[in-house]
Protein backbone atom coordinates (compact mmCIF):
# COMPACT_ATOMS: atom_id res chain seq x y z
CA MET A 1 73.75 26.32 -13.15
CA ILE A 2 70.92 27.71 -15.28
CA ASP A 3 71.90 29.30 -18.59
CA LEU A 4 69.61 30.95 -21.14
CA GLU A 5 71.10 31.61 -24.57
CA SER A 6 69.22 33.78 -27.10
CA VAL A 7 65.87 32.56 -25.76
CA ALA A 8 62.56 33.68 -27.26
CA HIS A 9 59.04 32.86 -26.15
CA GLY A 10 55.47 34.04 -26.61
CA TYR A 11 51.84 32.99 -26.90
CA THR A 12 49.32 32.75 -29.78
CA GLY A 13 51.80 34.07 -32.28
CA ALA A 14 52.77 37.14 -30.23
CA GLU A 15 56.35 37.17 -28.99
CA LEU A 16 56.85 38.31 -25.39
CA PHE A 17 60.61 38.55 -25.60
CA SER A 18 63.52 37.41 -27.73
CA GLU A 19 67.31 37.13 -27.64
CA VAL A 20 67.25 36.73 -23.85
CA SER A 21 70.55 35.54 -22.39
CA LEU A 22 70.99 35.06 -18.66
CA ARG A 23 73.21 33.03 -16.35
CA LEU A 24 72.14 32.08 -12.84
CA GLY A 25 75.41 30.99 -11.30
CA GLY A 26 76.11 29.82 -7.78
CA GLY A 27 75.60 32.55 -5.19
CA SER A 28 74.25 35.10 -7.70
CA PHE A 29 71.33 37.39 -6.84
CA HIS A 30 69.08 38.93 -9.50
CA PHE A 31 65.97 41.06 -9.48
CA LEU A 32 63.70 40.92 -12.53
CA THR A 33 61.45 43.90 -13.23
CA GLY A 34 59.17 45.08 -15.99
CA PRO A 35 55.56 46.13 -16.58
CA SER A 36 52.66 43.73 -16.16
CA GLY A 37 52.43 41.43 -19.17
CA ALA A 38 56.08 41.89 -20.13
CA GLY A 39 56.84 38.23 -19.47
CA LYS A 40 58.40 38.05 -16.00
CA THR A 41 56.39 34.99 -14.97
CA THR A 42 57.01 33.32 -18.33
CA LEU A 43 60.74 33.84 -17.94
CA LEU A 44 60.66 32.22 -14.50
CA ARG A 45 58.67 29.29 -15.91
CA LEU A 46 61.38 28.83 -18.52
CA CYS A 47 64.02 28.92 -15.77
CA TYR A 48 62.11 26.18 -13.96
CA GLY A 49 61.75 23.99 -17.01
CA GLU A 50 57.96 24.21 -17.06
CA LEU A 51 58.15 25.72 -20.55
CA VAL A 52 60.40 24.93 -23.49
CA PRO A 53 61.66 28.03 -25.33
CA GLN A 54 60.35 28.58 -28.82
CA ARG A 55 63.84 29.60 -29.88
CA GLY A 56 67.20 29.52 -28.20
CA LYS A 57 68.68 27.19 -25.63
CA ILE A 58 68.27 26.64 -21.89
CA THR A 59 70.79 24.54 -19.99
CA PHE A 60 70.12 23.15 -16.52
CA PHE A 61 73.27 22.14 -14.64
CA GLY A 62 75.03 21.44 -17.93
CA GLU A 63 72.18 19.62 -19.71
CA ASN A 64 70.02 20.96 -22.52
CA ARG A 65 66.34 21.33 -21.55
CA ARG A 66 65.14 20.10 -24.95
CA GLY A 67 66.78 16.72 -24.60
CA MET A 68 65.68 16.02 -21.04
CA ALA A 69 63.50 13.00 -20.37
CA ARG A 70 60.58 13.49 -17.98
CA ASP A 71 62.29 11.69 -15.09
CA LYS A 72 65.46 13.70 -15.55
CA LEU A 73 63.51 16.95 -15.60
CA ALA A 74 61.68 15.98 -12.41
CA PHE A 75 65.01 15.26 -10.71
CA THR A 76 66.44 18.57 -11.95
CA ARG A 77 63.47 20.48 -10.55
CA GLN A 78 64.33 19.20 -7.09
CA ARG A 79 67.45 21.35 -7.37
CA ILE A 80 65.34 24.46 -8.08
CA GLY A 81 63.01 25.99 -5.49
CA VAL A 82 60.04 28.06 -6.67
CA VAL A 83 57.87 30.53 -4.77
CA HIS A 84 54.79 31.01 -6.92
CA GLN A 85 52.80 34.21 -6.95
CA ASP A 86 49.54 32.56 -5.88
CA CYS A 87 50.90 30.44 -2.95
CA GLN A 88 48.63 27.42 -3.38
CA PHE A 89 48.43 24.88 -0.54
CA LEU A 90 46.46 21.73 0.22
CA ASP A 91 43.95 23.08 2.72
CA HIS A 92 43.29 19.72 4.41
CA LEU A 93 46.96 19.30 5.33
CA THR A 94 48.75 21.15 8.11
CA LEU A 95 51.36 23.75 7.35
CA ARG A 96 54.03 21.27 8.40
CA GLU A 97 52.69 18.65 5.97
CA ASN A 98 52.43 21.19 3.15
CA VAL A 99 56.03 22.29 3.61
CA ALA A 100 57.21 18.67 3.51
CA LEU A 101 55.35 17.84 0.26
CA PRO A 102 58.33 18.32 -2.11
CA LEU A 103 60.32 15.74 -0.14
CA ILE A 104 57.38 13.34 -0.06
CA ALA A 105 56.79 13.76 -3.81
CA GLY A 106 60.45 13.02 -4.45
CA GLN A 107 60.26 9.93 -2.21
CA ARG A 108 62.86 11.42 0.08
CA PRO A 109 62.92 11.15 3.90
CA VAL A 110 61.42 13.97 5.95
CA PRO A 111 63.70 14.45 8.98
CA ASP A 112 61.64 15.95 11.80
CA THR A 113 64.62 17.90 13.13
CA ASP A 114 65.36 19.53 9.77
CA LEU A 115 61.71 20.42 9.28
CA ASP A 116 61.49 21.93 12.76
CA GLU A 117 64.61 24.01 12.12
CA LEU A 118 63.24 25.26 8.80
CA LEU A 119 59.90 26.29 10.32
CA SER A 120 61.78 28.07 13.08
CA TRP A 121 63.97 29.87 10.53
CA VAL A 122 60.91 31.32 8.76
CA GLY A 123 59.22 32.10 12.08
CA LEU A 124 56.40 29.58 11.78
CA SER A 125 57.09 27.07 14.56
CA ALA A 126 53.95 28.14 16.42
CA HIS A 127 51.83 27.49 13.32
CA ALA A 128 53.23 24.07 12.36
CA ASP A 129 49.90 22.31 12.95
CA ALA A 130 47.70 25.08 11.55
CA LEU A 131 45.68 24.62 8.36
CA PRO A 132 46.47 26.99 5.46
CA PRO A 133 43.10 28.85 5.52
CA THR A 134 43.88 30.07 9.05
CA LEU A 135 47.18 31.68 8.07
CA SER A 136 47.73 35.36 7.32
CA GLY A 137 49.16 36.52 4.00
CA GLY A 138 52.62 36.93 5.48
CA GLU A 139 52.51 33.51 7.08
CA ARG A 140 51.47 31.91 3.79
CA GLN A 141 54.33 33.62 1.96
CA ARG A 142 56.86 32.43 4.53
CA ALA A 143 55.38 28.93 4.33
CA ALA A 144 55.73 29.05 0.54
CA LEU A 145 59.39 30.00 0.95
CA ALA A 146 59.93 27.13 3.42
CA ARG A 147 58.31 24.68 0.99
CA ALA A 148 60.48 25.98 -1.86
CA ILE A 149 63.73 25.40 0.02
CA ILE A 150 62.89 22.16 1.90
CA THR A 151 64.89 20.23 -0.73
CA SER A 152 67.96 22.50 -0.22
CA PRO A 153 67.80 23.83 -3.79
CA GLU A 154 70.77 25.37 -5.56
CA VAL A 155 68.55 27.98 -7.22
CA LEU A 156 65.53 29.86 -5.81
CA LEU A 157 63.02 31.51 -8.15
CA ALA A 158 60.43 33.82 -6.56
CA ASP A 159 57.54 35.37 -8.50
CA GLU A 160 56.29 38.59 -6.82
CA PRO A 161 56.85 37.01 -3.37
CA THR A 162 55.93 40.22 -1.52
CA GLY A 163 53.11 41.37 -3.79
CA ASN A 164 50.34 41.18 -1.17
CA LEU A 165 52.37 41.94 1.94
CA ASP A 166 52.84 45.06 4.03
CA TRP A 167 56.26 46.68 4.07
CA GLU A 168 57.41 45.13 7.35
CA MET A 169 56.59 41.62 6.19
CA SER A 170 58.07 42.29 2.73
CA THR A 171 61.43 43.25 4.20
CA ARG A 172 61.36 40.24 6.51
CA LEU A 173 60.82 37.88 3.59
CA LEU A 174 63.53 39.66 1.61
CA GLN A 175 65.98 39.19 4.48
CA LEU A 176 65.26 35.47 4.55
CA MET A 177 66.09 35.22 0.85
CA ILE A 178 69.26 37.25 1.35
CA GLU A 179 70.32 34.88 4.13
CA LEU A 180 69.68 31.94 1.81
CA ASN A 181 71.80 33.58 -0.87
CA ARG A 182 74.65 34.04 1.59
CA MET A 183 74.64 30.28 2.03
CA GLY A 184 75.34 29.89 -1.70
CA THR A 185 71.89 29.65 -3.27
CA ALA A 186 71.35 31.55 -6.52
CA VAL A 187 68.28 33.79 -6.20
CA LEU A 188 66.07 35.36 -8.89
CA ILE A 189 63.18 37.53 -7.68
CA ALA A 190 60.58 38.89 -10.11
CA THR A 191 59.05 42.03 -8.64
CA HIS A 192 57.45 45.32 -9.59
CA ASP A 193 58.38 46.85 -6.20
CA LEU A 194 61.39 49.12 -6.70
CA ASN A 195 61.41 49.96 -2.98
CA LEU A 196 62.11 46.29 -2.27
CA ILE A 197 65.11 46.43 -4.59
CA ARG A 198 66.37 49.60 -2.90
CA ALA A 199 65.97 47.95 0.51
CA ALA A 200 68.28 45.15 -0.59
CA LYS A 201 71.08 47.55 -1.52
CA PRO A 202 72.93 47.59 1.83
CA HIS A 203 72.75 43.82 2.24
CA VAL A 204 73.44 42.03 -1.04
CA SER A 205 75.28 42.48 -4.31
CA ALA A 206 72.54 42.04 -6.89
CA ARG A 207 71.88 42.75 -10.53
CA VAL A 208 68.64 44.38 -11.60
CA LEU A 209 67.24 43.22 -14.93
CA ARG A 210 64.25 44.61 -16.79
CA ILE A 211 62.12 43.18 -19.58
CA ALA A 212 61.28 46.08 -21.89
CA GLY A 213 60.70 46.25 -25.61
CA ARG A 214 60.77 42.43 -25.73
CA LYS A 215 64.39 42.45 -24.56
CA LEU A 216 66.11 41.69 -21.23
CA GLN A 217 68.14 44.72 -20.23
CA LEU A 218 70.39 45.66 -17.34
CA ALA A 219 68.27 48.15 -15.39
CA GLY A 220 71.12 49.58 -13.35
CA ALA A 221 74.51 49.03 -11.85
CA ASP A 222 75.11 46.30 -9.30
CA LEU A 223 73.32 47.13 -6.04
């Protein structure tokens, strides 16, 4: 679905990584690790099409990123859900309205039943009419996950989704992403938390990748 071939990228003349090859196929589960500044967020932005690689090739569902028109890229992004590290919301809209925004932006219908089921799945039914500033960190992260998957994406990218959560809430969010993967969604989670990766071991077959020395390496055997 998403293929990176010998990709390189960097900023202001300094290369973050090079010769990165990665395939996010249907039902795959990957963790991405590495020190701060190694390029984990940049790699996710490339996987989302927000950036164009300086070298190499990225293919989205069989089509080269470089040749994509803006409208085609926008349509492709509806097939990719993203949980950003900073979890930004529109504070004047309710949680329910925030979660529905990707459908509204794509001029797609917002079925009330589907939205209710999604909020129930992430444990936020009781907060559907709450405004974002009133939510806890864990509630915001679960809302961000709900917003990322409201379009039923084929790929989910999550950037440090448990970075500001306690352990109980981190494992709960992880379980939600594992359940999504079991339904066929490819998942890529960037994280510095090795305990989170170890917690996934009994529940999902995943590959652990690490950015080190400007290369993407296999950090260990399949979990």
